Amino acid sequence: MSSAAPVTDATFKEEVIESDVPVLVDFWAPWCGPCRMVAPVVDEISEQYKGQVKVVKINTDENPNVASQYGIRSIPTLMVFKGGQRVDMVVGAVPKTTLASTLDKYL
C-alpha cells in the first residue's frame, strides 16, 4: 500500500497548487517499469518527511491534463511544488538520497 496519496486532474489544484507545505508529485503509469522501481523510494520519502512535505502520485494515463500542462514527456517524473509553483523536478528512477537532497532545498 502506497503512503503517497493519489491525485487526479480534478484534485490537483486543491491538493498541490493550494497546499501550505511543499509537495512532491510522482507522475507515473502502471505500465512503466522505472515507475515501479521508484515507488518504494517515494513511499520512504513520504514517511521521512511526514508533516513537512506532502507526497502525492498522479497516474498520467488517467490524468492527461495535468501531465500535458507540465510538459511531462517521460516518466517517472518527480516534481516539487512550493507555494503553487513548480520549483524543481527529477526525471527517472533516482536514489532516495537524490530525492531527499532535492526536497531539502525547499524546506
N, C-alpha and C. Protein backbone atom coordinates (compact mmCIF):
# COMPACT_ATOMS: atom_id res chain seq x y z
N MET A 1 0.85 -1.20 0.00
CA MET A 1 0.00 0.00 0.00
C MET A 1 0.88 1.25 0.00
N SER A 2 0.63 2.11 -0.92
CA SER A 2 1.43 3.32 -1.06
C SER A 2 1.04 4.35 0.00
N SER A 3 2.05 5.03 0.56
CA SER A 3 1.74 6.09 1.52
C SER A 3 1.58 7.44 0.81
N ALA A 4 1.87 7.46 -0.49
CA ALA A 4 1.66 8.67 -1.28
C ALA A 4 0.20 8.70 -1.74
N ALA A 5 -0.46 9.81 -1.50
CA ALA A 5 -1.88 9.92 -1.83
C ALA A 5 -2.07 10.13 -3.33
N PRO A 6 -3.04 9.42 -3.93
CA PRO A 6 -3.30 9.66 -5.35
C PRO A 6 -4.01 10.99 -5.57
N VAL A 7 -3.60 11.73 -6.59
CA VAL A 7 -4.34 12.93 -7.01
C VAL A 7 -4.74 12.75 -8.47
N THR A 8 -5.71 13.57 -8.90
CA THR A 8 -6.24 13.47 -10.26
C THR A 8 -6.24 14.86 -10.88
N ASP A 9 -6.59 14.91 -12.15
CA ASP A 9 -6.77 16.21 -12.82
C ASP A 9 -7.71 17.09 -11.99
N ALA A 10 -8.75 16.47 -11.43
CA ALA A 10 -9.78 17.22 -10.69
C ALA A 10 -9.29 17.74 -9.34
N THR A 11 -8.40 17.00 -8.68
CA THR A 11 -7.98 17.39 -7.32
C THR A 11 -6.59 18.03 -7.27
N PHE A 12 -5.91 18.10 -8.41
CA PHE A 12 -4.52 18.58 -8.44
C PHE A 12 -4.38 20.00 -7.87
N LYS A 13 -5.27 20.89 -8.31
CA LYS A 13 -5.17 22.29 -7.87
C LYS A 13 -5.29 22.39 -6.35
N GLU A 14 -6.31 21.71 -5.82
CA GLU A 14 -6.56 21.76 -4.38
C GLU A 14 -5.43 21.10 -3.59
N GLU A 15 -5.01 19.91 -4.04
CA GLU A 15 -4.03 19.12 -3.28
C GLU A 15 -2.59 19.63 -3.43
N VAL A 16 -2.26 20.16 -4.61
CA VAL A 16 -0.88 20.52 -4.90
C VAL A 16 -0.67 22.03 -4.94
N ILE A 17 -1.40 22.70 -5.83
CA ILE A 17 -1.20 24.13 -6.03
C ILE A 17 -1.55 24.93 -4.77
N GLU A 18 -2.62 24.52 -4.08
CA GLU A 18 -3.08 25.27 -2.91
C GLU A 18 -2.52 24.73 -1.60
N SER A 19 -1.57 23.81 -1.66
CA SER A 19 -1.01 23.22 -0.45
C SER A 19 -0.17 24.25 0.32
N ASP A 20 -0.26 24.19 1.65
CA ASP A 20 0.53 25.09 2.51
C ASP A 20 1.97 24.61 2.65
N VAL A 21 2.20 23.34 2.38
CA VAL A 21 3.55 22.78 2.51
C VAL A 21 4.05 22.37 1.12
N PRO A 22 5.38 22.23 0.96
CA PRO A 22 5.88 21.75 -0.34
C PRO A 22 5.27 20.39 -0.68
N VAL A 23 5.10 20.15 -1.97
CA VAL A 23 4.50 18.90 -2.44
C VAL A 23 5.44 18.22 -3.43
N LEU A 24 5.67 16.93 -3.21
CA LEU A 24 6.39 16.11 -4.18
C LEU A 24 5.35 15.34 -4.98
N VAL A 25 5.34 15.55 -6.29
CA VAL A 25 4.37 14.88 -7.15
C VAL A 25 5.09 13.84 -7.99
N ASP A 26 4.64 12.60 -7.89
CA ASP A 26 5.19 11.50 -8.66
C ASP A 26 4.27 11.25 -9.86
N PHE A 27 4.74 11.62 -11.05
CA PHE A 27 3.98 11.33 -12.28
C PHE A 27 4.37 9.93 -12.73
N TRP A 28 3.40 9.03 -12.82
CA TRP A 28 3.68 7.62 -13.10
C TRP A 28 2.57 7.01 -13.94
N ALA A 29 2.80 5.77 -14.37
CA ALA A 29 1.76 4.97 -15.03
C ALA A 29 2.00 3.50 -14.71
N PRO A 30 0.94 2.71 -14.69
CA PRO A 30 1.05 1.31 -14.28
C PRO A 30 2.00 0.47 -15.15
N TRP A 31 2.11 0.81 -16.43
CA TRP A 31 2.93 0.01 -17.35
C TRP A 31 4.41 0.37 -17.29
N CYS A 32 4.77 1.37 -16.51
CA CYS A 32 6.12 1.91 -16.51
C CYS A 32 7.01 1.21 -15.48
N GLY A 33 8.00 0.45 -15.97
CA GLY A 33 8.90 -0.28 -15.08
C GLY A 33 9.66 0.59 -14.10
N PRO A 34 10.35 1.64 -14.59
CA PRO A 34 11.08 2.52 -13.67
C PRO A 34 10.17 3.18 -12.62
N CYS A 35 8.90 3.40 -12.98
CA CYS A 35 7.94 3.96 -12.01
C CYS A 35 7.76 3.01 -10.83
N ARG A 36 7.68 1.71 -11.15
CA ARG A 36 7.53 0.72 -10.09
C ARG A 36 8.79 0.64 -9.24
N MET A 37 9.95 0.88 -9.88
CA MET A 37 11.20 0.87 -9.12
C MET A 37 11.30 2.04 -8.15
N VAL A 38 10.80 3.19 -8.56
CA VAL A 38 10.93 4.40 -7.74
C VAL A 38 9.82 4.49 -6.69
N ALA A 39 8.74 3.75 -6.86
CA ALA A 39 7.59 3.83 -5.95
C ALA A 39 7.95 3.61 -4.48
N PRO A 40 8.75 2.57 -4.13
CA PRO A 40 9.09 2.39 -2.72
C PRO A 40 9.93 3.55 -2.17
N VAL A 41 10.76 4.13 -3.03
CA VAL A 41 11.57 5.28 -2.63
C VAL A 41 10.67 6.46 -2.30
N VAL A 42 9.68 6.68 -3.16
CA VAL A 42 8.72 7.77 -2.93
C VAL A 42 7.96 7.54 -1.62
N ASP A 43 7.58 6.30 -1.34
CA ASP A 43 6.89 5.98 -0.09
C ASP A 43 7.79 6.25 1.12
N GLU A 44 9.07 5.89 1.01
CA GLU A 44 10.02 6.15 2.11
C GLU A 44 10.17 7.65 2.35
N ILE A 45 10.24 8.41 1.27
CA ILE A 45 10.33 9.87 1.38
C ILE A 45 9.08 10.42 2.07
N SER A 46 7.93 9.86 1.71
CA SER A 46 6.66 10.27 2.30
C SER A 46 6.69 10.08 3.82
N GLU A 47 7.23 8.95 4.26
CA GLU A 47 7.34 8.68 5.71
C GLU A 47 8.37 9.60 6.36
N GLN A 48 9.52 9.74 5.71
CA GLN A 48 10.64 10.51 6.26
C GLN A 48 10.28 11.99 6.45
N TYR A 49 9.48 12.52 5.53
CA TYR A 49 9.16 13.95 5.56
C TYR A 49 7.73 14.24 6.02
N LYS A 50 7.13 13.26 6.70
CA LYS A 50 5.75 13.41 7.18
C LYS A 50 5.62 14.73 7.95
N GLY A 51 4.60 15.51 7.59
CA GLY A 51 4.39 16.78 8.29
C GLY A 51 5.15 17.95 7.67
N GLN A 52 6.18 17.65 6.87
CA GLN A 52 6.97 18.72 6.23
C GLN A 52 6.66 18.83 4.75
N VAL A 53 6.44 17.67 4.12
CA VAL A 53 6.21 17.62 2.69
C VAL A 53 5.01 16.72 2.42
N LYS A 54 4.15 17.14 1.51
CA LYS A 54 3.05 16.28 1.09
C LYS A 54 3.55 15.51 -0.13
N VAL A 55 3.32 14.20 -0.13
CA VAL A 55 3.75 13.37 -1.26
C VAL A 55 2.52 12.78 -1.94
N VAL A 56 2.40 13.03 -3.24
CA VAL A 56 1.25 12.55 -3.99
C VAL A 56 1.71 11.88 -5.29
N LYS A 57 0.84 11.04 -5.83
CA LYS A 57 1.12 10.37 -7.10
C LYS A 57 0.00 10.70 -8.07
N ILE A 58 0.36 10.88 -9.33
CA ILE A 58 -0.67 11.10 -10.35
C ILE A 58 -0.43 10.16 -11.53
N ASN A 59 -1.45 9.37 -11.85
CA ASN A 59 -1.38 8.42 -12.95
C ASN A 59 -1.58 9.21 -14.25
N THR A 60 -0.52 9.28 -15.06
CA THR A 60 -0.56 10.12 -16.27
C THR A 60 -1.51 9.56 -17.33
N ASP A 61 -1.77 8.25 -17.31
CA ASP A 61 -2.72 7.65 -18.25
C ASP A 61 -4.15 8.13 -17.96
N GLU A 62 -4.47 8.20 -16.67
CA GLU A 62 -5.84 8.55 -16.26
C GLU A 62 -6.02 10.06 -16.14
N ASN A 63 -4.92 10.80 -16.05
CA ASN A 63 -4.98 12.24 -15.82
C ASN A 63 -4.07 13.00 -16.78
N PRO A 64 -4.43 12.97 -18.07
CA PRO A 64 -3.56 13.56 -19.09
C PRO A 64 -3.47 15.09 -19.03
N ASN A 65 -4.46 15.74 -18.45
CA ASN A 65 -4.47 17.21 -18.45
C ASN A 65 -3.31 17.80 -17.67
N VAL A 66 -3.14 17.33 -16.43
CA VAL A 66 -2.05 17.84 -15.59
C VAL A 66 -0.70 17.47 -16.21
N ALA A 67 -0.60 16.24 -16.71
CA ALA A 67 0.65 15.80 -17.32
C ALA A 67 1.04 16.68 -18.50
N SER A 68 0.07 17.00 -19.35
CA SER A 68 0.40 17.83 -20.52
C SER A 68 0.63 19.28 -20.11
N GLN A 69 -0.07 19.74 -19.09
CA GLN A 69 0.11 21.11 -18.58
C GLN A 69 1.55 21.33 -18.13
N TYR A 70 2.15 20.31 -17.54
CA TYR A 70 3.52 20.44 -17.04
C TYR A 70 4.55 19.81 -17.98
N GLY A 71 4.10 19.48 -19.19
CA GLY A 71 5.03 19.00 -20.21
C GLY A 71 5.72 17.70 -19.88
N ILE A 72 5.01 16.79 -19.24
CA ILE A 72 5.60 15.51 -18.88
C ILE A 72 5.79 14.68 -20.14
N ARG A 73 7.05 14.37 -20.45
CA ARG A 73 7.34 13.57 -21.65
C ARG A 73 7.85 12.19 -21.30
N SER A 74 8.53 12.08 -20.17
CA SER A 74 8.98 10.75 -19.76
C SER A 74 8.64 10.56 -18.29
N ILE A 75 8.34 9.32 -17.95
CA ILE A 75 8.02 9.01 -16.57
C ILE A 75 8.94 7.90 -16.09
N PRO A 76 9.22 7.81 -14.79
CA PRO A 76 8.69 8.69 -13.76
C PRO A 76 9.32 10.09 -13.81
N THR A 77 8.50 11.09 -13.58
CA THR A 77 8.97 12.44 -13.34
C THR A 77 8.48 12.84 -11.96
N LEU A 78 9.39 13.33 -11.14
CA LEU A 78 9.03 13.77 -9.80
C LEU A 78 9.20 15.28 -9.76
N MET A 79 8.13 15.98 -9.43
CA MET A 79 8.17 17.44 -9.38
C MET A 79 7.95 17.93 -7.97
N VAL A 80 8.66 19.00 -7.64
CA VAL A 80 8.48 19.64 -6.34
C VAL A 80 7.73 20.95 -6.57
N PHE A 81 6.63 21.12 -5.86
CA PHE A 81 5.85 22.35 -5.91
C PHE A 81 5.93 23.03 -4.55
N LYS A 82 6.10 24.35 -4.58
CA LYS A 82 6.08 25.12 -3.34
C LYS A 82 5.36 26.42 -3.62
N GLY A 83 4.40 26.76 -2.77
CA GLY A 83 3.63 27.98 -2.95
C GLY A 83 2.91 28.03 -4.29
N GLY A 84 2.49 26.86 -4.78
CA GLY A 84 1.73 26.80 -6.01
C GLY A 84 2.58 26.80 -7.28
N GLN A 85 3.89 26.88 -7.13
CA GLN A 85 4.79 26.92 -8.29
C GLN A 85 5.64 25.66 -8.36
N ARG A 86 5.91 25.23 -9.59
CA ARG A 86 6.86 24.12 -9.76
C ARG A 86 8.25 24.71 -9.53
N VAL A 87 8.97 24.19 -8.53
CA VAL A 87 10.29 24.74 -8.20
C VAL A 87 11.44 23.81 -8.59
N ASP A 88 11.13 22.54 -8.80
CA ASP A 88 12.19 21.61 -9.17
C ASP A 88 11.59 20.36 -9.77
N MET A 89 12.44 19.58 -10.47
CA MET A 89 11.97 18.29 -10.96
C MET A 89 13.13 17.33 -11.15
N VAL A 90 12.83 16.07 -11.01
CA VAL A 90 13.79 14.99 -11.20
C VAL A 90 13.14 13.99 -12.13
N VAL A 91 13.85 13.61 -13.19
CA VAL A 91 13.29 12.66 -14.15
C VAL A 91 14.01 11.33 -14.01
N GLY A 92 13.24 10.25 -13.98
CA GLY A 92 13.82 8.91 -13.92
C GLY A 92 13.79 8.34 -12.52
N ALA A 93 14.15 7.06 -12.44
CA ALA A 93 14.20 6.37 -11.15
C ALA A 93 15.51 6.77 -10.47
N VAL A 94 15.42 7.64 -9.49
CA VAL A 94 16.62 8.15 -8.81
C VAL A 94 16.73 7.57 -7.41
N PRO A 95 17.94 7.54 -6.86
CA PRO A 95 18.09 7.06 -5.49
C PRO A 95 17.44 8.01 -4.49
N LYS A 96 17.12 7.47 -3.32
CA LYS A 96 16.46 8.24 -2.27
C LYS A 96 17.28 9.48 -1.90
N THR A 97 18.60 9.35 -1.87
CA THR A 97 19.46 10.48 -1.49
C THR A 97 19.25 11.67 -2.42
N THR A 98 19.09 11.38 -3.72
CA THR A 98 18.88 12.44 -4.70
C THR A 98 17.56 13.17 -4.43
N LEU A 99 16.51 12.39 -4.19
CA LEU A 99 15.21 12.99 -3.89
C LEU A 99 15.25 13.79 -2.61
N ALA A 100 15.89 13.23 -1.59
CA ALA A 100 15.96 13.91 -0.29
C ALA A 100 16.70 15.24 -0.40
N SER A 101 17.84 15.24 -1.11
CA SER A 101 18.60 16.48 -1.22
C SER A 101 17.86 17.52 -2.05
N THR A 102 17.08 17.05 -3.04
CA THR A 102 16.25 17.97 -3.83
C THR A 102 15.19 18.61 -2.94
N LEU A 103 14.53 17.81 -2.11
CA LEU A 103 13.48 18.32 -1.23
C LEU A 103 14.03 19.25 -0.15
N ASP A 104 15.20 18.90 0.38
CA ASP A 104 15.79 19.67 1.47
C ASP A 104 15.98 21.14 1.12
N LYS A 105 16.17 21.42 -0.17
CA LYS A 105 16.38 22.79 -0.62
C LYS A 105 15.14 23.67 -0.39
N TYR A 106 13.97 23.04 -0.25
CA TYR A 106 12.73 23.81 -0.19
C TYR A 106 12.05 23.77 1.18
N LEU A 107 12.74 23.21 2.16
CA LEU A 107 12.15 23.12 3.50
C LEU A 107 12.60 24.27 4.37
